[in-house]
Amino acid sequence: MARKMMVRRENESGHVLTEVLAENEAQLQEIVKENPDLLPVDEFGMTGPLMVVGRETTLPSGYVDLVCLSRGGDLLLVEFKTGPQNSDFRHVLAQLLDYGSDLWRMSYEEFESTVANRFFSSSYCQDDRLQKKASLDEAAHAIWPDLSEEETALFRERLAQQLSSGGFHYVVVAQRFTTTILEQIEDDTYRETLRELLEVCSGLGLRFSWGTAGTSIRVPVPNRKNPLSIAWLSPPDVSGWMGLLDLTLGLSDNAGEMPLVASALEDYVEKVAALPGVKPAKPDWHHGYHLTPEVTVRNYHRIADILAELVQRISEEA
C-alpha cells in the first residue's frame, strides 16, 4: 500500500504526494545523486549539505555507487540496491565494508587524487560548481561558500582522521529489504501475514532497522534522539537481537525512562501480554513477548490494532 503525504504551502494551498517505488537502480541513483540531502545525514550526526566526490568510483573491490563528504569532513559511502538480485542485505553490507577497506589508510592526498579529482574531471560530475575543480579545498568552498579558513582546516583534519581510522558512514539506499526475509518463510499463510504486517507498520510511519538477522521495528518518541524499538522480526530458525526468535513485541527500554509517553508504552506492553498464546521472550525480560508463527497468524488483526493504538497514543500524549 503506497503511503501518502500532504504538503502545504505558505498560501495554505496543499498538494497530496503519493509514494512511488523507483523503477530501477539507475533512477534511484540519479535522484539521490542530484539531491544527496535526501539522505538522513542528521541521524548520523553529520552536517549537510553533502558534497558528492565520487560516483561509480573504481576501487580494488569494485565500483562504489556514491562517495560523499559532509561539511565537517565525515565520509559517507552509499550503495544503491533495488532489484531482487540485490535484495540480500548481508551481501550489500559486505560490499560496502570492502569498499571501506579499500579507502582505509589512504592519505588525504591519495583520496583527493584517486577519488575526488578523478570524479571532478569525469562525465559523472554534472554539478557545475564541482566540474574541473583541482582540489578538495576548491570544491569545498564551491559547495559551502561561507566556509572559514578554520573550518577548512578542520575539514581536512577530520577527513584525514577518518581515512586513517576507517570510521566511515555507510548507507544502503533501497526500495525495501523485506523480500529476503519473507522468501525464507515456507509457510504461505505466515509469509503473507508478515508481508501485510510490515505494510501496516510502514503505513503507520514506523521505521525499520534491518540487520543481518532480521529487523527491529521502531517508533519515533518525543525528546528521544533515536526511535524506540517496539518489535523484532527474525527469519525462521535464526536467532536475532538478544537471541529473539520469530516475532517479538515489546520495548527495548523501560517505559519509565520516557515520562511523556510512559502511559502509552505501558498500555502497549499490557495489550501484547494479553494476546492469546504469547510467552515472555526471555525469563528475565518483562518488556517483550515471543509470538510463534501460528500465534502471529491467529492474532494478526489484533496486533495491527495494537500498533495503530500505540502510534495514536504517543501522538496524543506528546
C-alpha atoms as a PDB file:
ATOM      1  CA  MET A   1       0.000   0.000   0.000  1.00  0.00           C
ATOM      2  CA  ALA A   2       1.520   3.315  -1.110  1.00  0.00           C
ATOM      3  CA  ARG A   3       1.868   5.972   1.567  1.00  0.00           C
ATOM      4  CA  LYS A   4       0.588   9.498   1.002  1.00  0.00           C
ATOM      5  CA  MET A   5       1.774  12.838   2.346  1.00  0.00           C
ATOM      6  CA  MET A   6       0.213  16.280   2.170  1.00  0.00           C
ATOM      7  CA  VAL A   7       2.472  19.288   1.634  1.00  0.00           C
ATOM      8  CA  ARG A   8       1.051  22.708   2.449  1.00  0.00           C
ATOM      9  CA  ARG A   9       2.489  25.957   1.117  1.00  0.00           C
ATOM     10  CA  GLU A  10       2.560  29.297   2.922  1.00  0.00           C
ATOM     11  CA  ASN A  11      -0.541  30.380   0.979  1.00  0.00           C
ATOM     12  CA  GLU A  12      -2.382  27.386   2.507  1.00  0.00           C
ATOM     13  CA  SER A  13      -2.607  25.546  -0.824  1.00  0.00           C
ATOM     14  CA  GLY A  14      -1.952  21.847  -0.429  1.00  0.00           C
ATOM     15  CA  HIS A  15      -0.695  19.001  -2.580  1.00  0.00           C
ATOM     16  CA  VAL A  16      -1.026  15.296  -1.880  1.00  0.00           C
ATOM     17  CA  LEU A  17       2.079  13.282  -2.746  1.00  0.00           C
ATOM     18  CA  THR A  18       1.912   9.529  -3.258  1.00  0.00           C
ATOM     19  CA  GLU A  19       4.861   7.249  -2.551  1.00  0.00           C
ATOM     20  CA  VAL A  20       6.199   5.635  -5.748  1.00  0.00           C
ATOM     21  CA  LEU A  21       8.918   2.988  -5.897  1.00  0.00           C
ATOM     22  CA  ALA A  22      11.931   3.691  -8.076  1.00  0.00           C
ATOM     23  CA  GLU A  23      11.741   1.800 -11.358  1.00  0.00           C
ATOM     24  CA  ASN A  24      15.340   0.643 -11.179  1.00  0.00           C
ATOM     25  CA  GLU A  25      18.699   1.248  -9.542  1.00  0.00           C
ATOM     26  CA  ALA A  26      19.733   3.837 -12.142  1.00  0.00           C
ATOM     27  CA  GLN A  27      16.684   6.021 -11.499  1.00  0.00           C
ATOM     28  CA  LEU A  28      17.131   5.793  -7.739  1.00  0.00           C
ATOM     29  CA  GLN A  29      20.812   6.674  -8.060  1.00  0.00           C
ATOM     30  CA  GLU A  30      20.066   9.677 -10.282  1.00  0.00           C
ATOM     31  CA  ILE A  31      17.506  11.056  -7.839  1.00  0.00           C
ATOM     32  CA  VAL A  32      19.825  10.796  -4.832  1.00  0.00           C
ATOM     33  CA  LYS A  33      22.893  11.947  -6.767  1.00  0.00           C
ATOM     34  CA  GLU A  34      21.082  15.094  -7.804  1.00  0.00           C
ATOM     35  CA  ASN A  35      19.637  15.527  -4.308  1.00  0.00           C
ATOM     36  CA  PRO A  36      22.140  13.958  -1.852  1.00  0.00           C
ATOM     37  CA  ASP A  37      20.477  15.774   1.028  1.00  0.00           C
ATOM     38  CA  LEU A  38      17.639  13.261   0.741  1.00  0.00           C
ATOM     39  CA  LEU A  39      19.942  11.036   2.779  1.00  0.00           C
ATOM     40  CA  PRO A  40      19.191  11.287   6.538  1.00  0.00           C
ATOM     41  CA  VAL A  41      22.630  12.652   7.420  1.00  0.00           C
ATOM     42  CA  ASP A  42      21.362  14.327  10.588  1.00  0.00           C
ATOM     43  CA  GLU A  43      20.700  10.862  12.025  1.00  0.00           C
ATOM     44  CA  PHE A  44      24.430  10.151  11.683  1.00  0.00           C
ATOM     45  CA  GLY A  45      25.485  13.381  13.355  1.00  0.00           C
ATOM     46  CA  MET A  46      26.756  14.775  10.049  1.00  0.00           C
ATOM     47  CA  THR A  47      26.463  18.386   8.905  1.00  0.00           C
ATOM     48  CA  GLY A  48      24.910  18.999   5.498  1.00  0.00           C
ATOM     49  CA  PRO A  49      24.567  19.830   2.727  1.00  0.00           C
ATOM     50  CA  LEU A  50      26.629  16.950   1.387  1.00  0.00           C
ATOM     51  CA  MET A  51      29.265  17.200  -1.316  1.00  0.00           C
ATOM     52  CA  VAL A  52      29.428  14.333  -3.821  1.00  0.00           C
ATOM     53  CA  VAL A  53      33.066  13.438  -4.539  1.00  0.00           C
ATOM     54  CA  GLY A  54      32.632  10.116  -6.295  1.00  0.00           C
ATOM     55  CA  ARG A  55      30.186   8.150  -8.391  1.00  0.00           C
ATOM     56  CA  GLU A  56      30.830   4.661  -9.749  1.00  0.00           C
ATOM     57  CA  THR A  57      34.280   5.162  -8.255  1.00  0.00           C
ATOM     58  CA  THR A  58      36.721   2.420  -9.194  1.00  0.00           C
ATOM     59  CA  LEU A  59      38.268   0.679  -6.189  1.00  0.00           C
ATOM     60  CA  PRO A  60      40.126  -2.647  -5.899  1.00  0.00           C
ATOM     61  CA  SER A  61      36.949  -4.327  -4.609  1.00  0.00           C
ATOM     62  CA  GLY A  62      34.640  -2.909  -7.266  1.00  0.00           C
ATOM     63  CA  TYR A  63      32.692   0.238  -8.030  1.00  0.00           C
ATOM     64  CA  VAL A  64      31.190   2.197  -5.146  1.00  0.00           C
ATOM     65  CA  ASP A  65      27.984   3.922  -6.221  1.00  0.00           C
ATOM     66  CA  LEU A  66      28.366   7.211  -4.378  1.00  0.00           C
ATOM     67  CA  VAL A  67      31.017   8.823  -2.181  1.00  0.00           C
ATOM     68  CA  CYS A  68      30.039  11.932  -0.218  1.00  0.00           C
ATOM     69  CA  LEU A  69      31.631  14.289   2.284  1.00  0.00           C
ATOM     70  CA  SER A  70      29.944  16.393   4.930  1.00  0.00           C
ATOM     71  CA  ARG A  71      30.886  19.955   5.755  1.00  0.00           C
ATOM     72  CA  GLY A  72      32.652  18.607   8.822  1.00  0.00           C
ATOM     73  CA  GLY A  73      34.818  16.198   6.814  1.00  0.00           C
ATOM     74  CA  ASP A  74      32.885  12.978   7.519  1.00  0.00           C
ATOM     75  CA  LEU A  75      32.987  10.401   4.738  1.00  0.00           C
ATOM     76  CA  LEU A  76      29.841   8.597   3.583  1.00  0.00           C
ATOM     77  CA  LEU A  77      29.732   5.571   1.262  1.00  0.00           C
ATOM     78  CA  VAL A  78      26.408   4.887  -0.446  1.00  0.00           C
ATOM     79  CA  GLU A  79      25.253   1.758  -2.260  1.00  0.00           C
ATOM     80  CA  PHE A  80      22.023   1.572  -4.275  1.00  0.00           C
ATOM     81  CA  LYS A  81      20.048  -1.656  -4.428  1.00  0.00           C
ATOM     82  CA  THR A  82      16.559  -2.089  -5.873  1.00  0.00           C
ATOM     83  CA  GLY A  83      16.287  -5.259  -7.921  1.00  0.00           C
ATOM     84  CA  PRO A  84      15.549  -8.699  -6.452  1.00  0.00           C
ATOM     85  CA  GLN A  85      19.036  -9.823  -7.406  1.00  0.00           C
ATOM     86  CA  ASN A  86      20.374  -7.290  -4.904  1.00  0.00           C
ATOM     87  CA  SER A  87      17.937  -7.889  -2.056  1.00  0.00           C
ATOM     88  CA  ASP A  88      20.308  -9.684   0.317  1.00  0.00           C
ATOM     89  CA  PHE A  89      21.297  -7.141   2.956  1.00  0.00           C
ATOM     90  CA  ARG A  90      24.292  -9.191   4.067  1.00  0.00           C
ATOM     91  CA  HIS A  91      25.744  -9.141   0.561  1.00  0.00           C
ATOM     92  CA  VAL A  92      25.233  -5.384   0.231  1.00  0.00           C
ATOM     93  CA  LEU A  93      26.790  -4.741   3.635  1.00  0.00           C
ATOM     94  CA  ALA A  94      29.786  -6.902   2.743  1.00  0.00           C
ATOM     95  CA  GLN A  95      30.235  -4.884  -0.447  1.00  0.00           C
ATOM     96  CA  LEU A  96      30.253  -1.605   1.449  1.00  0.00           C
ATOM     97  CA  LEU A  97      32.743  -2.887   4.014  1.00  0.00           C
ATOM     98  CA  ASP A  98      35.022  -3.998   1.183  1.00  0.00           C
ATOM     99  CA  TYR A  99      34.864  -0.513  -0.321  1.00  0.00           C
ATOM    100  CA  GLY A 100      35.622   0.986   3.073  1.00  0.00           C
ATOM    101  CA  SER A 101      38.651  -1.257   3.468  1.00  0.00           C
ATOM    102  CA  ASP A 102      39.924  -0.018   0.088  1.00  0.00           C
ATOM    103  CA  LEU A 103      39.834   3.581   1.326  1.00  0.00           C
ATOM    104  CA  TRP A 104      41.131   2.792   4.792  1.00  0.00           C
ATOM    105  CA  ARG A 105      44.641   4.130   5.419  1.00  0.00           C
ATOM    106  CA  MET A 106      44.676   6.313   2.330  1.00  0.00           C
ATOM    107  CA  SER A 107      46.255   9.680   2.950  1.00  0.00           C
ATOM    108  CA  TYR A 108      44.267  12.856   2.386  1.00  0.00           C
ATOM    109  CA  GLU A 109      46.273  13.481  -0.785  1.00  0.00           C
ATOM    110  CA  GLU A 110      45.690   9.949  -2.103  1.00  0.00           C
ATOM    111  CA  PHE A 111      41.953  10.236  -1.561  1.00  0.00           C
ATOM    112  CA  GLU A 112      41.925  13.631  -3.231  1.00  0.00           C
ATOM    113  CA  SER A 113      43.748  12.422  -6.348  1.00  0.00           C
ATOM    114  CA  THR A 114      42.294   8.917  -6.775  1.00  0.00           C
ATOM    115  CA  VAL A 115      38.686   9.627  -5.779  1.00  0.00           C
ATOM    116  CA  ALA A 116      37.695  13.311  -5.695  1.00  0.00           C
ATOM    117  CA  ASN A 117      39.756  14.846  -8.502  1.00  0.00           C
ATOM    118  CA  ARG A 118      39.032  11.904 -10.777  1.00  0.00           C
ATOM    119  CA  PHE A 119      35.318  12.482 -10.217  1.00  0.00           C
ATOM    120  CA  PHE A 120      35.519  16.260 -10.722  1.00  0.00           C
ATOM    121  CA  SER A 121      37.100  15.746 -14.164  1.00  0.00           C
ATOM    122  CA  SER A 122      34.793  12.920 -15.252  1.00  0.00           C
ATOM    123  CA  SER A 123      31.493  12.897 -17.146  1.00  0.00           C
ATOM    124  CA  TYR A 124      29.807  11.631 -13.961  1.00  0.00           C
ATOM    125  CA  CYS A 125      30.205  15.065 -12.385  1.00  0.00           C
ATOM    126  CA  GLN A 126      27.175  17.082 -13.510  1.00  0.00           C
ATOM    127  CA  ASP A 127      27.361  19.729 -10.782  1.00  0.00           C
ATOM    128  CA  ASP A 128      28.605  22.957 -12.381  1.00  0.00           C
ATOM    129  CA  ARG A 129      30.094  24.009  -9.060  1.00  0.00           C
ATOM    130  CA  LEU A 130      32.387  20.975  -8.954  1.00  0.00           C
ATOM    131  CA  GLN A 131      33.333  20.368 -12.577  1.00  0.00           C
ATOM    132  CA  LYS A 132      37.076  20.619 -13.251  1.00  0.00           C
ATOM    133  CA  LYS A 133      37.906  21.524  -9.661  1.00  0.00           C
ATOM    134  CA  ALA A 134      41.576  20.823  -8.960  1.00  0.00           C
ATOM    135  CA  SER A 135      41.374  20.105  -5.237  1.00  0.00           C
ATOM    136  CA  LEU A 136      39.049  19.265  -2.383  1.00  0.00           C
ATOM    137  CA  ASP A 137      39.639  22.736  -0.950  1.00  0.00           C
ATOM    138  CA  GLU A 138      38.321  24.360  -4.130  1.00  0.00           C
ATOM    139  CA  ALA A 139      35.360  22.008  -4.227  1.00  0.00           C
ATOM    140  CA  ALA A 140      34.525  22.553  -0.561  1.00  0.00           C
ATOM    141  CA  HIS A 141      34.405  26.329  -0.986  1.00  0.00           C
ATOM    142  CA  ALA A 142      32.229  25.918  -4.083  1.00  0.00           C
ATOM    143  CA  ILE A 143      29.669  23.885  -2.137  1.00  0.00           C
ATOM    144  CA  TRP A 144      29.980  25.802   1.147  1.00  0.00           C
ATOM    145  CA  PRO A 145      30.967  29.385   0.141  1.00  0.00           C
ATOM    146  CA  ASP A 146      30.914  30.595   3.737  1.00  0.00           C
ATOM    147  CA  LEU A 147      33.477  28.006   4.879  1.00  0.00           C
ATOM    148  CA  SER A 148      36.083  29.788   7.007  1.00  0.00           C
ATOM    149  CA  GLU A 149      39.817  29.066   6.997  1.00  0.00           C
ATOM    150  CA  GLU A 150      39.467  27.412  10.388  1.00  0.00           C
ATOM    151  CA  GLU A 151      36.596  25.231   9.149  1.00  0.00           C
ATOM    152  CA  THR A 152      38.600  24.312   6.056  1.00  0.00           C
ATOM    153  CA  ALA A 153      41.492  23.173   8.226  1.00  0.00           C
ATOM    154  CA  LEU A 154      39.117  21.159  10.419  1.00  0.00           C
ATOM    155  CA  PHE A 155      37.567  19.622   7.279  1.00  0.00           C
ATOM    156  CA  ARG A 156      40.987  18.409   6.118  1.00  0.00           C
ATOM    157  CA  GLU A 157      41.916  17.179   9.581  1.00  0.00           C
ATOM    158  CA  ARG A 158      38.651  15.272  10.073  1.00  0.00           C
ATOM    159  CA  LEU A 159      38.800  13.599   6.655  1.00  0.00           C
ATOM    160  CA  ALA A 160      42.432  12.586   7.180  1.00  0.00           C
ATOM    161  CA  GLN A 161      41.498  11.190  10.593  1.00  0.00           C
ATOM    162  CA  GLN A 162      38.617   9.149   9.160  1.00  0.00           C
ATOM    163  CA  LEU A 163      40.768   7.761   6.366  1.00  0.00           C
ATOM    164  CA  SER A 164      43.351   6.727   8.931  1.00  0.00           C
ATOM    165  CA  SER A 165      40.877   5.066  11.302  1.00  0.00           C
ATOM    166  CA  GLY A 166      38.395   3.677   8.771  1.00  0.00           C
ATOM    167  CA  GLY A 167      35.493   5.114  10.772  1.00  0.00           C
ATOM    168  CA  PHE A 168      33.262   5.824   7.783  1.00  0.00           C
ATOM    169  CA  HIS A 169      29.487   6.092   7.496  1.00  0.00           C
ATOM    170  CA  TYR A 170      27.676   3.546   5.330  1.00  0.00           C
ATOM    171  CA  VAL A 171      24.233   3.851   3.748  1.00  0.00           C
ATOM    172  CA  VAL A 172      22.271   1.408   1.625  1.00  0.00           C
ATOM    173  CA  VAL A 173      19.558   3.084  -0.439  1.00  0.00           C
ATOM    174  CA  ALA A 174      16.917   0.532  -1.397  1.00  0.00           C
ATOM    175  CA  GLN A 175      13.229   0.077  -2.054  1.00  0.00           C
ATOM    176  CA  ARG A 176      12.864  -2.494   0.709  1.00  0.00           C
ATOM    177  CA  PHE A 177      14.735  -5.414   2.214  1.00  0.00           C
ATOM    178  CA  THR A 178      11.596  -7.320   3.187  1.00  0.00           C
ATOM    179  CA  THR A 179      11.920  -9.658   0.201  1.00  0.00           C
ATOM    180  CA  THR A 180      14.890 -11.576   1.569  1.00  0.00           C
ATOM    181  CA  ILE A 181      13.411 -12.354   4.956  1.00  0.00           C
ATOM    182  CA  LEU A 182       9.999 -13.247   3.513  1.00  0.00           C
ATOM    183  CA  GLU A 183      11.480 -15.536   0.875  1.00  0.00           C
ATOM    184  CA  GLN A 184      12.955 -17.661   3.661  1.00  0.00           C
ATOM    185  CA  ILE A 185       9.487 -18.439   5.052  1.00  0.00           C
ATOM    186  CA  GLU A 186       7.998 -21.611   3.584  1.00  0.00           C
ATOM    187  CA  ASP A 187       4.568 -21.337   5.204  1.00  0.00           C
ATOM    188  CA  ASP A 188       2.420 -19.346   2.753  1.00  0.00           C
ATOM    189  CA  THR A 189      -0.028 -18.096   5.382  1.00  0.00           C
ATOM    190  CA  TYR A 190       2.693 -16.887   7.759  1.00  0.00           C
ATOM    191  CA  ARG A 191       4.633 -15.260   4.915  1.00  0.00           C
ATOM    192  CA  GLU A 192       1.609 -13.295   3.691  1.00  0.00           C
ATOM    193  CA  THR A 193       0.656 -12.358   7.251  1.00  0.00           C
ATOM    194  CA  LEU A 194       4.103 -10.857   7.842  1.00  0.00           C
ATOM    195  CA  ARG A 195       4.021  -9.102   4.486  1.00  0.00           C
ATOM    196  CA  GLU A 196       0.732  -7.440   5.443  1.00  0.00           C
ATOM    197  CA  LEU A 197       2.008  -6.620   8.933  1.00  0.00           C
ATOM    198  CA  LEU A 198       5.115  -4.916   7.541  1.00  0.00           C
ATOM    199  CA  GLU A 199       2.908  -2.897   5.195  1.00  0.00           C
ATOM    200  CA  VAL A 200       0.774  -1.844   8.168  1.00  0.00           C
ATOM    201  CA  CYS A 201       3.892  -0.749  10.075  1.00  0.00           C
ATOM    202  CA  SER A 202       5.113   1.214   7.073  1.00  0.00           C
ATOM    203  CA  GLY A 203       1.741   2.917   6.715  1.00  0.00           C
ATOM    204  CA  LEU A 204       1.801   3.909  10.393  1.00  0.00           C
ATOM    205  CA  GLY A 205       5.137   5.644   9.895  1.00  0.00           C
ATOM    206  CA  LEU A 206       7.122   3.104  11.901  1.00  0.00           C
ATOM    207  CA  ARG A 207      10.768   2.700  10.970  1.00  0.00           C
ATOM    208  CA  PHE A 208      12.767  -0.401  10.168  1.00  0.00           C
ATOM    209  CA  SER A 209      16.365  -1.072  11.137  1.00  0.00           C
ATOM    210  CA  TRP A 210      17.494  -4.008   9.017  1.00  0.00           C
ATOM    211  CA  GLY A 211      20.407  -6.161  10.086  1.00  0.00           C
ATOM    212  CA  THR A 212      21.944  -9.465   9.112  1.00  0.00           C
ATOM    213  CA  ALA A 213      19.412 -11.337  11.275  1.00  0.00           C
ATOM    214  CA  GLY A 214      16.136  -9.579  10.598  1.00  0.00           C
ATOM    215  CA  THR A 215      14.794  -6.182  11.556  1.00  0.00           C
ATOM    216  CA  SER A 216      13.717  -4.125  14.523  1.00  0.00           C
ATOM    217  CA  ILE A 217      10.572  -2.026  14.136  1.00  0.00           C
ATOM    218  CA  ARG A 218      10.786   1.394  15.756  1.00  0.00           C
ATOM    219  CA  VAL A 219       8.528   4.288  16.660  1.00  0.00           C
ATOM    220  CA  PRO A 220       9.662   7.929  16.985  1.00  0.00           C
ATOM    221  CA  VAL A 221       9.321   9.173  20.570  1.00  0.00           C
ATOM    222  CA  PRO A 222       9.376  12.864  21.626  1.00  0.00           C
ATOM    223  CA  ASN A 223      12.558  14.087  23.350  1.00  0.00           C
ATOM    224  CA  ARG A 224      14.396  10.925  22.336  1.00  0.00           C
ATOM    225  CA  LYS A 225      17.185  11.120  19.777  1.00  0.00           C
ATOM    226  CA  ASN A 226      16.642   7.669  18.285  1.00  0.00           C
ATOM    227  CA  PRO A 227      13.323   5.878  17.652  1.00  0.00           C
ATOM    228  CA  LEU A 228      12.281   3.273  20.226  1.00  0.00           C
ATOM    229  CA  SER A 229      12.278  -0.397  19.219  1.00  0.00           C
ATOM    230  CA  ILE A 230       8.840  -1.933  19.802  1.00  0.00           C
ATOM    231  CA  ALA A 231       9.086  -5.147  17.745  1.00  0.00           C
ATOM    232  CA  TRP A 232      11.670  -7.515  16.291  1.00  0.00           C
ATOM    233  CA  LEU A 233      11.346  -9.923  13.384  1.00  0.00           C
ATOM    234  CA  SER A 234      13.789 -12.722  12.603  1.00  0.00           C
ATOM    235  CA  PRO A 235      13.829 -15.263   9.747  1.00  0.00           C
ATOM    236  CA  PRO A 236      12.870 -18.871  10.592  1.00  0.00           C
ATOM    237  CA  ASP A 237      15.373 -20.656  12.831  1.00  0.00           C
ATOM    238  CA  VAL A 238      17.545 -17.532  13.056  1.00  0.00           C
ATOM    239  CA  SER A 239      18.424 -16.003  16.405  1.00  0.00           C
ATOM    240  CA  GLY A 240      18.180 -12.221  16.253  1.00  0.00           C
ATOM    241  CA  TRP A 241      18.970  -9.438  18.721  1.00  0.00           C
ATOM    242  CA  MET A 242      19.380 -10.846  22.265  1.00  0.00           C
ATOM    243  CA  GLY A 243      18.548 -14.283  20.884  1.00  0.00           C
ATOM    244  CA  LEU A 244      14.998 -13.326  19.921  1.00  0.00           C
ATOM    245  CA  LEU A 245      13.104 -15.632  17.555  1.00  0.00           C
ATOM    246  CA  ASP A 246      10.275 -15.191  15.047  1.00  0.00           C
ATOM    247  CA  LEU A 247       8.214 -12.123  16.020  1.00  0.00           C
ATOM    248  CA  THR A 248       8.720 -10.343  19.332  1.00  0.00           C
ATOM    249  CA  LEU A 249       6.575  -7.440  20.525  1.00  0.00           C
ATOM    250  CA  GLY A 250       7.690  -5.256  23.417  1.00  0.00           C
ATOM    251  CA  LEU A 251      10.053  -2.444  24.378  1.00  0.00           C
ATOM    252  CA  SER A 252      13.820  -2.150  24.121  1.00  0.00           C
ATOM    253  CA  ASP A 253      13.889   0.292  27.065  1.00  0.00           C
ATOM    254  CA  ASN A 254      11.931   0.854  30.264  1.00  0.00           C
ATOM    255  CA  ALA A 255       8.821   2.985  29.728  1.00  0.00           C
ATOM    256  CA  GLY A 256       9.641   4.929  32.886  1.00  0.00           C
ATOM    257  CA  GLU A 257      12.622   6.475  31.108  1.00  0.00           C
ATOM    258  CA  MET A 258      10.208   8.239  28.724  1.00  0.00           C
ATOM    259  CA  PRO A 259       7.732  10.009  31.037  1.00  0.00           C
ATOM    260  CA  LEU A 260       5.933  11.894  28.249  1.00  0.00           C
ATOM    261  CA  VAL A 261       4.667   8.665  26.702  1.00  0.00           C
ATOM    262  CA  ALA A 262       5.116   6.180  29.568  1.00  0.00           C
ATOM    263  CA  SER A 263       1.389   5.529  29.839  1.00  0.00           C
ATOM    264  CA  ALA A 264       1.079   4.708  26.134  1.00  0.00           C
ATOM    265  CA  LEU A 265       4.084   2.375  26.241  1.00  0.00           C
ATOM    266  CA  GLU A 266       2.911   0.556  29.360  1.00  0.00           C
ATOM    267  CA  ASP A 267      -0.533   0.117  27.819  1.00  0.00           C
ATOM    268  CA  TYR A 268       1.104  -1.312  24.688  1.00  0.00           C
ATOM    269  CA  VAL A 269       3.025  -3.937  26.666  1.00  0.00           C
ATOM    270  CA  GLU A 270      -0.108  -4.880  28.635  1.00  0.00           C
ATOM    271  CA  LYS A 271      -2.103  -5.389  25.441  1.00  0.00           C
ATOM    272  CA  VAL A 272       0.670  -7.515  23.926  1.00  0.00           C
ATOM    273  CA  ALA A 273       0.888  -9.635  27.087  1.00  0.00           C
ATOM    274  CA  ALA A 274      -2.856 -10.291  26.844  1.00  0.00           C
ATOM    275  CA  LEU A 275      -2.658 -11.771  23.336  1.00  0.00           C
ATOM    276  CA  PRO A 276      -3.585 -15.482  23.365  1.00  0.00           C
ATOM    277  CA  GLY A 277      -0.561 -17.749  23.047  1.00  0.00           C
ATOM    278  CA  VAL A 278       2.244 -15.237  23.660  1.00  0.00           C
ATOM    279  CA  LYS A 279       5.084 -16.042  26.037  1.00  0.00           C
ATOM    280  CA  PRO A 280       7.808 -13.902  27.619  1.00  0.00           C
ATOM    281  CA  ALA A 281      10.646 -13.596  25.128  1.00  0.00           C
ATOM    282  CA  LYS A 282      13.171 -14.217  27.885  1.00  0.00           C
ATOM    283  CA  PRO A 283      12.673 -15.311  31.508  1.00  0.00           C
ATOM    284  CA  ASP A 284      14.284 -12.151  32.900  1.00  0.00           C
ATOM    285  CA  TRP A 285      12.851  -9.726  30.345  1.00  0.00           C
ATOM    286  CA  HIS A 286       9.398  -8.442  31.241  1.00  0.00           C
ATOM    287  CA  HIS A 287       9.064  -5.971  28.371  1.00  0.00           C
ATOM    288  CA  GLY A 288       8.927  -8.380  25.421  1.00  0.00           C
ATOM    289  CA  TYR A 289       6.768 -11.295  24.291  1.00  0.00           C
ATOM    290  CA  HIS A 290       7.508 -14.010  21.748  1.00  0.00           C
ATOM    291  CA  LEU A 291       4.928 -14.921  19.120  1.00  0.00           C
ATOM    292  CA  THR A 292       5.333 -18.167  17.204  1.00  0.00           C
ATOM    293  CA  PRO A 293       4.258 -18.156  13.538  1.00  0.00           C
ATOM    294  CA  GLU A 294       0.937 -19.763  14.490  1.00  0.00           C
ATOM    295  CA  VAL A 295       0.272 -17.178  17.210  1.00  0.00           C
ATOM    296  CA  THR A 296       1.182 -14.331  14.845  1.00  0.00           C
ATOM    297  CA  VAL A 297      -1.251 -15.534  12.179  1.00  0.00           C
ATOM    298  CA  ARG A 298      -4.029 -16.072  14.703  1.00  0.00           C
ATOM    299  CA  ASN A 299      -3.599 -12.602  16.256  1.00  0.00           C
ATOM    300  CA  TYR A 300      -2.709 -10.601  13.134  1.00  0.00           C
ATOM    301  CA  HIS A 301      -5.666  -8.200  13.190  1.00  0.00           C
ATOM    302  CA  ARG A 302      -5.306  -7.522  16.917  1.00  0.00           C
ATOM    303  CA  ILE A 303      -1.551  -6.925  16.517  1.00  0.00           C
ATOM    304  CA  ALA A 304      -2.227  -4.373  13.778  1.00  0.00           C
ATOM    305  CA  ASP A 305      -4.778  -2.642  16.017  1.00  0.00           C
ATOM    306  CA  ILE A 306      -2.381  -2.570  18.991  1.00  0.00           C
ATOM    307  CA  LEU A 307       0.370  -0.965  16.902  1.00  0.00           C
ATOM    308  CA  ALA A 308      -2.044   1.627  15.498  1.00  0.00           C
ATOM    309  CA  GLU A 309      -3.307   2.428  19.000  1.00  0.00           C
ATOM    310  CA  LEU A 310       0.270   2.864  20.241  1.00  0.00           C
ATOM    311  CA  VAL A 311       1.151   5.314  17.471  1.00  0.00           C
ATOM    312  CA  GLN A 312      -2.039   7.293  18.119  1.00  0.00           C
ATOM    313  CA  ARG A 313      -1.489   7.378  21.898  1.00  0.00           C
ATOM    314  CA  ILE A 314       2.106   8.576  21.506  1.00  0.00           C
ATOM    315  CA  SER A 315       0.925  11.337  19.183  1.00  0.00           C
ATOM    316  CA  GLU A 316      -1.813  12.408  21.599  1.00  0.00           C
ATOM    317  CA  GLU A 317       0.318  12.290  24.754  1.00  0.00           C
ATOM    318  CA  ALA A 318       3.183  14.142  23.116  1.00  0.00           C
END
